[in-house]
Amino acid sequence: NVTQDEALQHVWGYTVVNDITARNIQFSEAQWCR
């Protein structure tokens, strides 16, 4: 329940992510996890 003004005080750090995605599965299933 942190406010937007407080939120960045809870961040330890940052990194780079590549969110690789199988598009054919993304558009054939309701959920995107798999």
PDB file of all heavy atoms in Angstrom:
ATOM      1  N   ASN A   1       0.814  -1.216   0.000  1.00  0.00           N
ATOM      2  CA  ASN A   1       0.000   0.000   0.000  1.00  0.00           C
ATOM      3  C   ASN A   1       0.853   1.273   0.000  1.00  0.00           C
ATOM      4  O   ASN A   1       0.568   2.221   0.735  1.00  0.00           O
ATOM      5  CB  ASN A   1      -0.949   0.008   1.206  1.00  0.00           C
ATOM      6  CG  ASN A   1      -2.029  -1.049   1.098  1.00  0.00           C
ATOM      7  OD1 ASN A   1      -2.533  -1.327   0.011  1.00  0.00           O
ATOM      8  ND2 ASN A   1      -2.386  -1.653   2.225  1.00  0.00           N
ATOM      9  N   VAL A   2       1.896   1.291  -0.808  1.00  0.00           N
ATOM     10  CA  VAL A   2       2.730   2.487  -0.881  1.00  0.00           C
ATOM     11  C   VAL A   2       2.136   3.459  -1.889  1.00  0.00           C
ATOM     12  O   VAL A   2       1.503   3.061  -2.879  1.00  0.00           O
ATOM     13  CB  VAL A   2       4.187   2.148  -1.257  1.00  0.00           C
ATOM     14  CG1 VAL A   2       4.802   1.218  -0.221  1.00  0.00           C
ATOM     15  CG2 VAL A   2       4.291   1.553  -2.640  1.00  0.00           C
ATOM     16  N   THR A   3       2.314   4.724  -1.641  1.00  0.00           N
ATOM     17  CA  THR A   3       1.857   5.744  -2.578  1.00  0.00           C
ATOM     18  C   THR A   3       2.858   5.860  -3.726  1.00  0.00           C
ATOM     19  O   THR A   3       3.994   5.371  -3.646  1.00  0.00           O
ATOM     20  CB  THR A   3       1.724   7.104  -1.897  1.00  0.00           C
ATOM     21  OG1 THR A   3       3.043   7.570  -1.524  1.00  0.00           O
ATOM     22  CG2 THR A   3       0.847   7.010  -0.654  1.00  0.00           C
ATOM     23  N   GLN A   4       2.429   6.526  -4.785  1.00  0.00           N
ATOM     24  CA  GLN A   4       3.326   6.722  -5.911  1.00  0.00           C
ATOM     25  C   GLN A   4       4.536   7.552  -5.498  1.00  0.00           C
ATOM     26  O   GLN A   4       5.649   7.318  -5.968  1.00  0.00           O
ATOM     27  CB  GLN A   4       2.582   7.379  -7.068  1.00  0.00           C
ATOM     28  CG  GLN A   4       3.371   7.389  -8.368  1.00  0.00           C
ATOM     29  CD  GLN A   4       2.531   7.762  -9.578  1.00  0.00           C
ATOM     30  OE1 GLN A   4       1.302   7.643  -9.553  1.00  0.00           O
ATOM     31  NE2 GLN A   4       3.171   8.216 -10.638  1.00  0.00           N
ATOM     32  N   ASP A   5       4.334   8.521  -4.604  1.00  0.00           N
ATOM     33  CA  ASP A   5       5.450   9.351  -4.139  1.00  0.00           C
ATOM     34  C   ASP A   5       6.465   8.545  -3.333  1.00  0.00           C
ATOM     35  O   ASP A   5       7.653   8.873  -3.314  1.00  0.00           O
ATOM     36  CB  ASP A   5       4.932  10.513  -3.297  1.00  0.00           C
ATOM     37  CG  ASP A   5       4.208  11.566  -4.127  1.00  0.00           C
ATOM     38  OD1 ASP A   5       4.425  11.592  -5.361  1.00  0.00           O
ATOM     39  OD2 ASP A   5       3.419  12.343  -3.554  1.00  0.00           O
ATOM     40  N   GLU A   6       6.003   7.504  -2.662  1.00  0.00           N
ATOM     41  CA  GLU A   6       6.886   6.679  -1.831  1.00  0.00           C
ATOM     42  C   GLU A   6       7.544   5.535  -2.597  1.00  0.00           C
ATOM     43  O   GLU A   6       8.531   4.951  -2.137  1.00  0.00           O
ATOM     44  CB  GLU A   6       6.092   6.061  -0.674  1.00  0.00           C
ATOM     45  CG  GLU A   6       5.426   7.044   0.265  1.00  0.00           C
ATOM     46  CD  GLU A   6       4.416   6.362   1.179  1.00  0.00           C
ATOM     47  OE1 GLU A   6       3.850   5.318   0.774  1.00  0.00           O
ATOM     48  OE2 GLU A   6       4.195   6.890   2.294  1.00  0.00           O
ATOM     49  N   ALA A   7       7.014   5.212  -3.749  1.00  0.00           N
ATOM     50  CA  ALA A   7       7.324   3.940  -4.404  1.00  0.00           C
ATOM     51  C   ALA A   7       8.808   3.741  -4.693  1.00  0.00           C
ATOM     52  O   ALA A   7       9.365   2.667  -4.437  1.00  0.00           O
ATOM     53  CB  ALA A   7       6.508   3.814  -5.684  1.00  0.00           C
ATOM     54  N   LEU A   8       9.478   4.746  -5.234  1.00  0.00           N
ATOM     55  CA  LEU A   8      10.867   4.562  -5.634  1.00  0.00           C
ATOM     56  C   LEU A   8      11.793   4.360  -4.436  1.00  0.00           C
ATOM     57  O   LEU A   8      12.918   3.856  -4.601  1.00  0.00           O
ATOM     58  CB  LEU A   8      11.340   5.735  -6.483  1.00  0.00           C
ATOM     59  CG  LEU A   8      10.669   5.889  -7.859  1.00  0.00           C
ATOM     60  CD1 LEU A   8      11.312   7.018  -8.649  1.00  0.00           C
ATOM     61  CD2 LEU A   8      10.715   4.588  -8.662  1.00  0.00           C
ATOM     62  N   GLN A   9      11.337   4.717  -3.243  1.00  0.00           N
ATOM     63  CA  GLN A   9      12.134   4.460  -2.039  1.00  0.00           C
ATOM     64  C   GLN A   9      12.240   2.960  -1.749  1.00  0.00           C
ATOM     65  O   GLN A   9      13.076   2.531  -0.953  1.00  0.00           O
ATOM     66  CB  GLN A   9      11.518   5.171  -0.834  1.00  0.00           C
ATOM     67  CG  GLN A   9      11.433   6.677  -0.970  1.00  0.00           C
ATOM     68  CD  GLN A   9      10.633   7.311   0.150  1.00  0.00           C
ATOM     69  OE1 GLN A   9      10.516   6.758   1.245  1.00  0.00           O
ATOM     70  NE2 GLN A   9      10.067   8.476  -0.119  1.00  0.00           N
ATOM     71  N   HIS A  10      11.392   2.164  -2.395  1.00  0.00           N
ATOM     72  CA  HIS A  10      11.382   0.717  -2.177  1.00  0.00           C
ATOM     73  C   HIS A  10      12.157  -0.027  -3.259  1.00  0.00           C
ATOM     74  O   HIS A  10      12.178  -1.260  -3.254  1.00  0.00           O
ATOM     75  CB  HIS A  10       9.936   0.219  -2.127  1.00  0.00           C
ATOM     76  CG  HIS A  10       9.182   0.731  -0.943  1.00  0.00           C
ATOM     77  ND1 HIS A  10       8.993  -0.004   0.209  1.00  0.00           N
ATOM     78  CD2 HIS A  10       8.573   1.932  -0.714  1.00  0.00           C
ATOM     79  CE1 HIS A  10       8.307   0.695   1.088  1.00  0.00           C
ATOM     80  NE2 HIS A  10       8.037   1.878   0.546  1.00  0.00           N
ATOM     81  N   VAL A  11      12.793   0.701  -4.170  1.00  0.00           N
ATOM     82  CA  VAL A  11      13.563   0.076  -5.249  1.00  0.00           C
ATOM     83  C   VAL A  11      15.017  -0.088  -4.809  1.00  0.00           C
ATOM     84  O   VAL A  11      15.647   0.875  -4.371  1.00  0.00           O
ATOM     85  CB  VAL A  11      13.488   0.925  -6.535  1.00  0.00           C
ATOM     86  CG1 VAL A  11      14.410   0.355  -7.605  1.00  0.00           C
ATOM     87  CG2 VAL A  11      12.054   0.982  -7.046  1.00  0.00           C
ATOM     88  N   TRP A  12      15.531  -1.313  -4.945  1.00  0.00           N
ATOM     89  CA  TRP A  12      16.949  -1.565  -4.641  1.00  0.00           C
ATOM     90  C   TRP A  12      17.815  -1.281  -5.867  1.00  0.00           C
ATOM     91  O   TRP A  12      18.911  -0.742  -5.749  1.00  0.00           O
ATOM     92  CB  TRP A  12      17.147  -3.004  -4.194  1.00  0.00           C
ATOM     93  CG  TRP A  12      18.572  -3.302  -3.846  1.00  0.00           C
ATOM     94  CD1 TRP A  12      19.191  -3.090  -2.648  1.00  0.00           C
ATOM     95  CD2 TRP A  12      19.574  -3.840  -4.733  1.00  0.00           C
ATOM     96  NE1 TRP A  12      20.517  -3.462  -2.731  1.00  0.00           N
ATOM     97  CE2 TRP A  12      20.774  -3.926  -3.998  1.00  0.00           C
ATOM     98  CE3 TRP A  12      19.559  -4.258  -6.068  1.00  0.00           C
ATOM     99  CZ2 TRP A  12      21.958  -4.418  -4.554  1.00  0.00           C
ATOM    100  CZ3 TRP A  12      20.735  -4.745  -6.628  1.00  0.00           C
ATOM    101  CH2 TRP A  12      21.912  -4.821  -5.866  1.00  0.00           C
ATOM    102  N   GLY A  13      17.318  -1.652  -7.044  1.00  0.00           N
ATOM    103  CA  GLY A  13      18.130  -1.452  -8.230  1.00  0.00           C
ATOM    104  C   GLY A  13      17.410  -1.815  -9.509  1.00  0.00           C
ATOM    105  O   GLY A  13      16.208  -2.096  -9.520  1.00  0.00           O
ATOM    106  N   TYR A  14      18.177  -1.817 -10.600  1.00  0.00           N
ATOM    107  CA  TYR A  14      17.626  -2.014 -11.934  1.00  0.00           C
ATOM    108  C   TYR A  14      18.511  -2.966 -12.732  1.00  0.00           C
ATOM    109  O   TYR A  14      19.707  -3.114 -12.471  1.00  0.00           O
ATOM    110  CB  TYR A  14      17.536  -0.679 -12.676  1.00  0.00           C
ATOM    111  CG  TYR A  14      16.684   0.356 -11.984  1.00  0.00           C
ATOM    112  CD1 TYR A  14      17.259   1.278 -11.099  1.00  0.00           C
ATOM    113  CD2 TYR A  14      15.313   0.418 -12.201  1.00  0.00           C
ATOM    114  CE1 TYR A  14      16.479   2.230 -10.451  1.00  0.00           C
ATOM    115  CE2 TYR A  14      14.527   1.369 -11.558  1.00  0.00           C
ATOM    116  CZ  TYR A  14      15.117   2.268 -10.682  1.00  0.00           C
ATOM    117  OH  TYR A  14      14.342   3.193 -10.035  1.00  0.00           O
ATOM    118  N   THR A  15      17.919  -3.607 -13.731  1.00  0.00           N
ATOM    119  CA  THR A  15      18.663  -4.445 -14.657  1.00  0.00           C
ATOM    120  C   THR A  15      17.993  -4.394 -16.019  1.00  0.00           C
ATOM    121  O   THR A  15      16.949  -3.753 -16.190  1.00  0.00           O
ATOM    122  CB  THR A  15      18.769  -5.897 -14.128  1.00  0.00           C
ATOM    123  OG1 THR A  15      19.735  -6.607 -14.903  1.00  0.00           O
ATOM    124  CG2 THR A  15      17.424  -6.621 -14.188  1.00  0.00           C
ATOM    125  N   VAL A  16      18.594  -5.059 -17.002  1.00  0.00           N
ATOM    126  CA  VAL A  16      18.043  -5.148 -18.347  1.00  0.00           C
ATOM    127  C   VAL A  16      17.356  -6.502 -18.488  1.00  0.00           C
ATOM    128  O   VAL A  16      17.880  -7.523 -18.031  1.00  0.00           O
ATOM    129  CB  VAL A  16      19.153  -5.007 -19.415  1.00  0.00           C
ATOM    130  CG1 VAL A  16      18.559  -5.105 -20.820  1.00  0.00           C
ATOM    131  CG2 VAL A  16      19.904  -3.696 -19.238  1.00  0.00           C
ATOM    132  N   VAL A  17      16.178  -6.502 -19.106  1.00  0.00           N
ATOM    133  CA  VAL A  17      15.407  -7.726 -19.335  1.00  0.00           C
ATOM    134  C   VAL A  17      15.074  -7.829 -20.821  1.00  0.00           C
ATOM    135  O   VAL A  17      14.705  -6.832 -21.446  1.00  0.00           O
ATOM    136  CB  VAL A  17      14.099  -7.734 -18.512  1.00  0.00           C
ATOM    137  CG1 VAL A  17      13.272  -8.984 -18.821  1.00  0.00           C
ATOM    138  CG2 VAL A  17      14.394  -7.645 -17.025  1.00  0.00           C
ATOM    139  N   ASN A  18      15.202  -9.026 -21.365  1.00  0.00           N
ATOM    140  CA  ASN A  18      14.675  -9.326 -22.702  1.00  0.00           C
ATOM    141  C   ASN A  18      13.498 -10.270 -22.503  1.00  0.00           C
ATOM    142  O   ASN A  18      13.681 -11.428 -22.138  1.00  0.00           O
ATOM    143  CB  ASN A  18      15.754  -9.962 -23.585  1.00  0.00           C
ATOM    144  CG  ASN A  18      15.284 -10.219 -25.005  1.00  0.00           C
ATOM    145  OD1 ASN A  18      14.147  -9.907 -25.361  1.00  0.00           O
ATOM    146  ND2 ASN A  18      16.145 -10.795 -25.814  1.00  0.00           N
ATOM    147  N   ASP A  19      12.295  -9.774 -22.710  1.00  0.00           N
ATOM    148  CA  ASP A  19      11.078 -10.560 -22.506  1.00  0.00           C
ATOM    149  C   ASP A  19      10.753 -11.301 -23.800  1.00  0.00           C
ATOM    150  O   ASP A  19       9.935 -10.863 -24.608  1.00  0.00           O
ATOM    151  CB  ASP A  19       9.939  -9.623 -22.096  1.00  0.00           C
ATOM    152  CG  ASP A  19       8.637 -10.361 -21.846  1.00  0.00           C
ATOM    153  OD1 ASP A  19       8.684 -11.566 -21.535  1.00  0.00           O
ATOM    154  OD2 ASP A  19       7.570  -9.731 -21.957  1.00  0.00           O
ATOM    155  N   ILE A  20      11.414 -12.442 -24.000  1.00  0.00           N
ATOM    156  CA  ILE A  20      11.242 -13.211 -25.228  1.00  0.00           C
ATOM    157  C   ILE A  20       9.862 -13.871 -25.226  1.00  0.00           C
ATOM    158  O   ILE A  20       9.395 -14.347 -24.195  1.00  0.00           O
ATOM    159  CB  ILE A  20      12.362 -14.263 -25.353  1.00  0.00           C
ATOM    160  CG1 ILE A  20      13.729 -13.555 -25.404  1.00  0.00           C
ATOM    161  CG2 ILE A  20      12.170 -15.125 -26.591  1.00  0.00           C
ATOM    162  CD1 ILE A  20      14.912 -14.499 -25.403  1.00  0.00           C
ATOM    163  N   THR A  21       9.215 -13.885 -26.390  1.00  0.00           N
ATOM    164  CA  THR A  21       7.807 -14.298 -26.468  1.00  0.00           C
ATOM    165  C   THR A  21       7.535 -15.155 -27.694  1.00  0.00           C
ATOM    166  O   THR A  21       7.918 -14.785 -28.811  1.00  0.00           O
ATOM    167  CB  THR A  21       6.893 -13.051 -26.543  1.00  0.00           C
ATOM    168  OG1 THR A  21       7.201 -12.168 -25.463  1.00  0.00           O
ATOM    169  CG2 THR A  21       5.422 -13.448 -26.474  1.00  0.00           C
ATOM    170  N   ALA A  22       6.865 -16.287 -27.484  1.00  0.00           N
ATOM    171  CA  ALA A  22       6.364 -17.090 -28.601  1.00  0.00           C
ATOM    172  C   ALA A  22       5.008 -16.524 -29.006  1.00  0.00           C
ATOM    173  O   ALA A  22       3.986 -16.783 -28.364  1.00  0.00           O
ATOM    174  CB  ALA A  22       6.246 -18.556 -28.196  1.00  0.00           C
ATOM    175  N   ARG A  23       4.982 -15.734 -30.083  1.00  0.00           N
ATOM    176  CA  ARG A  23       3.763 -14.989 -30.426  1.00  0.00           C
ATOM    177  C   ARG A  23       2.606 -15.915 -30.802  1.00  0.00           C
ATOM    178  O   ARG A  23       1.450 -15.612 -30.489  1.00  0.00           O
ATOM    179  CB  ARG A  23       4.049 -14.021 -31.585  1.00  0.00           C
ATOM    180  CG  ARG A  23       5.028 -12.913 -31.265  1.00  0.00           C
ATOM    181  CD  ARG A  23       4.505 -11.937 -30.248  1.00  0.00           C
ATOM    182  NE  ARG A  23       5.444 -10.822 -30.085  1.00  0.00           N
ATOM    183  CZ  ARG A  23       5.474 -10.010 -29.042  1.00  0.00           C
ATOM    184  NH1 ARG A  23       4.610 -10.187 -28.051  1.00  0.00           N
ATOM    185  NH2 ARG A  23       6.341  -9.041 -28.966  1.00  0.00           N
ATOM    186  N   ASN A  24       2.878 -17.013 -31.470  1.00  0.00           N
ATOM    187  CA  ASN A  24       1.781 -17.896 -31.867  1.00  0.00           C
ATOM    188  C   ASN A  24       1.050 -18.437 -30.637  1.00  0.00           C
ATOM    189  O   ASN A  24      -0.175 -18.577 -30.636  1.00  0.00           O
ATOM    190  CB  ASN A  24       2.294 -19.046 -32.727  1.00  0.00           C
ATOM    191  CG  ASN A  24       3.336 -19.897 -32.025  1.00  0.00           C
ATOM    192  OD1 ASN A  24       4.296 -19.374 -31.465  1.00  0.00           O
ATOM    193  ND2 ASN A  24       3.171 -21.214 -32.061  1.00  0.00           N
ATOM    194  N   ILE A  25       1.785 -18.709 -29.565  1.00  0.00           N
ATOM    195  CA  ILE A  25       1.154 -19.180 -28.333  1.00  0.00           C
ATOM    196  C   ILE A  25       0.474 -18.019 -27.610  1.00  0.00           C
ATOM    197  O   ILE A  25      -0.622 -18.173 -27.057  1.00  0.00           O
ATOM    198  CB  ILE A  25       2.191 -19.876 -27.434  1.00  0.00           C
ATOM    199  CG1 ILE A  25       2.711 -21.137 -28.140  1.00  0.00           C
ATOM    200  CG2 ILE A  25       1.600 -20.227 -26.071  1.00  0.00           C
ATOM    201  CD1 ILE A  25       3.796 -21.865 -27.388  1.00  0.00           C
ATOM    202  N   GLN A  26       1.095 -16.847 -27.633  1.00  0.00           N
ATOM    203  CA  GLN A  26       0.493 -15.688 -26.979  1.00  0.00           C
ATOM    204  C   GLN A  26      -0.903 -15.399 -27.515  1.00  0.00           C
ATOM    205  O   GLN A  26      -1.816 -15.081 -26.754  1.00  0.00           O
ATOM    206  CB  GLN A  26       1.375 -14.452 -27.173  1.00  0.00           C
ATOM    207  CG  GLN A  26       0.811 -13.195 -26.493  1.00  0.00           C
ATOM    208  CD  GLN A  26       1.696 -11.980 -26.709  1.00  0.00           C
ATOM    209  OE1 GLN A  26       2.425 -11.888 -27.696  1.00  0.00           O
ATOM    210  NE2 GLN A  26       1.643 -11.050 -25.772  1.00  0.00           N
ATOM    211  N   PHE A  27      -1.078 -15.539 -28.840  1.00  0.00           N
ATOM    212  CA  PHE A  27      -2.366 -15.202 -29.438  1.00  0.00           C
ATOM    213  C   PHE A  27      -3.320 -16.395 -29.530  1.00  0.00           C
ATOM    214  O   PHE A  27      -4.420 -16.258 -30.082  1.00  0.00           O
ATOM    215  CB  PHE A  27      -2.153 -14.569 -30.812  1.00  0.00           C
ATOM    216  CG  PHE A  27      -1.567 -13.180 -30.735  1.00  0.00           C
ATOM    217  CD1 PHE A  27      -0.235 -12.950 -31.056  1.00  0.00           C
ATOM    218  CD2 PHE A  27      -2.337 -12.115 -30.312  1.00  0.00           C
ATOM    219  CE1 PHE A  27       0.309 -11.674 -30.978  1.00  0.00           C
ATOM    220  CE2 PHE A  27      -1.801 -10.829 -30.226  1.00  0.00           C
ATOM    221  CZ  PHE A  27      -0.482 -10.607 -30.551  1.00  0.00           C
ATOM    222  N   SER A  28      -2.911 -17.533 -28.978  1.00  0.00           N
ATOM    223  CA  SER A  28      -3.804 -18.693 -28.966  1.00  0.00           C
ATOM    224  C   SER A  28      -4.238 -19.086 -27.558  1.00  0.00           C
ATOM    225  O   SER A  28      -5.093 -19.954 -27.403  1.00  0.00           O
ATOM    226  CB  SER A  28      -3.126 -19.893 -29.635  1.00  0.00           C
ATOM    227  OG  SER A  28      -2.014 -20.330 -28.886  1.00  0.00           O
ATOM    228  N   GLU A  29      -3.660 -18.446 -26.537  1.00  0.00           N
ATOM    229  CA  GLU A  29      -4.005 -18.747 -25.146  1.00  0.00           C
ATOM    230  C   GLU A  29      -4.393 -17.464 -24.428  1.00  0.00           C
ATOM    231  O   GLU A  29      -3.827 -16.399 -24.688  1.00  0.00           O
ATOM    232  CB  GLU A  29      -2.825 -19.410 -24.431  1.00  0.00           C
ATOM    233  CG  GLU A  29      -2.423 -20.742 -25.031  1.00  0.00           C
ATOM    234  CD  GLU A  29      -1.264 -21.401 -24.310  1.00  0.00           C
ATOM    235  OE1 GLU A  29      -0.682 -20.775 -23.394  1.00  0.00           O
ATOM    236  OE2 GLU A  29      -0.941 -22.553 -24.658  1.00  0.00           O
ATOM    237  N   ALA A  30      -5.326 -17.577 -23.495  1.00  0.00           N
ATOM    238  CA  ALA A  30      -5.806 -16.394 -22.785  1.00  0.00           C
ATOM    239  C   ALA A  30      -4.752 -15.826 -21.838  1.00  0.00           C
ATOM    240  O   ALA A  30      -4.681 -14.617 -21.631  1.00  0.00           O
ATOM    241  CB  ALA A  30      -7.077 -16.738 -21.998  1.00  0.00           C
ATOM    242  N   GLN A  31      -3.940 -16.699 -21.248  1.00  0.00           N
ATOM    243  CA  GLN A  31      -2.895 -16.263 -20.326  1.00  0.00           C
ATOM    244  C   GLN A  31      -1.555 -16.194 -21.050  1.00  0.00           C
ATOM    245  O   GLN A  31      -1.277 -16.987 -21.951  1.00  0.00           O
ATOM    246  CB  GLN A  31      -2.804 -17.228 -19.145  1.00  0.00           C
ATOM    247  CG  GLN A  31      -4.080 -17.345 -18.324  1.00  0.00           C
ATOM    248  CD  GLN A  31      -4.433 -16.055 -17.609  1.00  0.00           C
ATOM    249  OE1 GLN A  31      -3.555 -15.301 -17.182  1.00  0.00           O
ATOM    250  NE2 GLN A  31      -5.717 -15.781 -17.472  1.00  0.00           N
ATOM    251  N   TRP A  32      -0.696 -15.266 -20.619  1.00  0.00           N
ATOM    252  CA  TRP A  32       0.571 -15.044 -21.299  1.00  0.00           C
ATOM    253  C   TRP A  32       1.760 -15.701 -20.608  1.00  0.00           C
ATOM    254  O   TRP A  32       2.888 -15.588 -21.096  1.00  0.00           O
ATOM    255  CB  TRP A  32       0.843 -13.539 -21.409  1.00  0.00           C
ATOM    256  CG  TRP A  32      -0.088 -12.816 -22.324  1.00  0.00           C
ATOM    257  CD1 TRP A  32      -1.087 -13.364 -23.081  1.00  0.00           C
ATOM    258  CD2 TRP A  32      -0.111 -11.415 -22.581  1.00  0.00           C
ATOM    259  NE1 TRP A  32      -1.724 -12.385 -23.797  1.00  0.00           N
ATOM    260  CE2 TRP A  32      -1.150 -11.177 -23.503  1.00  0.00           C
ATOM    261  CE3 TRP A  32       0.646 -10.344 -22.127  1.00  0.00           C
ATOM    262  CZ2 TRP A  32      -1.439  -9.903 -23.977  1.00  0.00           C
ATOM    263  CZ3 TRP A  32       0.362  -9.073 -22.582  1.00  0.00           C
ATOM    264  CH2 TRP A  32      -0.677  -8.856 -23.505  1.00  0.00           C
ATOM    265  N   CYS A  33       1.558 -16.378 -19.499  1.00  0.00           N
ATOM    266  CA  CYS A  33       2.690 -16.917 -18.743  1.00  0.00           C
ATOM    267  C   CYS A  33       3.501 -17.913 -19.561  1.00  0.00           C
ATOM    268  O   CYS A  33       4.727 -17.839 -19.613  1.00  0.00           O
ATOM    269  CB  CYS A  33       2.210 -17.578 -17.455  1.00  0.00           C
ATOM    270  SG  CYS A  33       1.326 -16.476 -16.345  1.00  0.00           S
ATOM    271  N   ARG A  34       2.840 -18.877 -20.210  1.00  0.00           N
ATOM    272  CA  ARG A  34       3.570 -19.945 -20.888  1.00  0.00           C
ATOM    273  C   ARG A  34       4.333 -19.440 -22.103  1.00  0.00           C
ATOM    274  O   ARG A  34       5.474 -19.843 -22.348  1.00  0.00           O
ATOM    275  CB  ARG A  34       2.611 -21.071 -21.300  1.00  0.00           C
ATOM    276  CG  ARG A  34       3.330 -22.319 -21.823  1.00  0.00           C
ATOM    277  CD  ARG A  34       2.367 -23.483 -21.972  1.00  0.00           C
ATOM    278  NE  ARG A  34       1.583 -23.410 -23.196  1.00  0.00           N
ATOM    279  CZ  ARG A  34       1.897 -24.072 -24.315  1.00  0.00           C
ATOM    280  NH1 ARG A  34       2.981 -24.821 -24.369  1.00  0.00           N
ATOM    281  NH2 ARG A  34       1.110 -23.980 -25.374  1.00  0.00           N
TER     282      ARG A  34
END
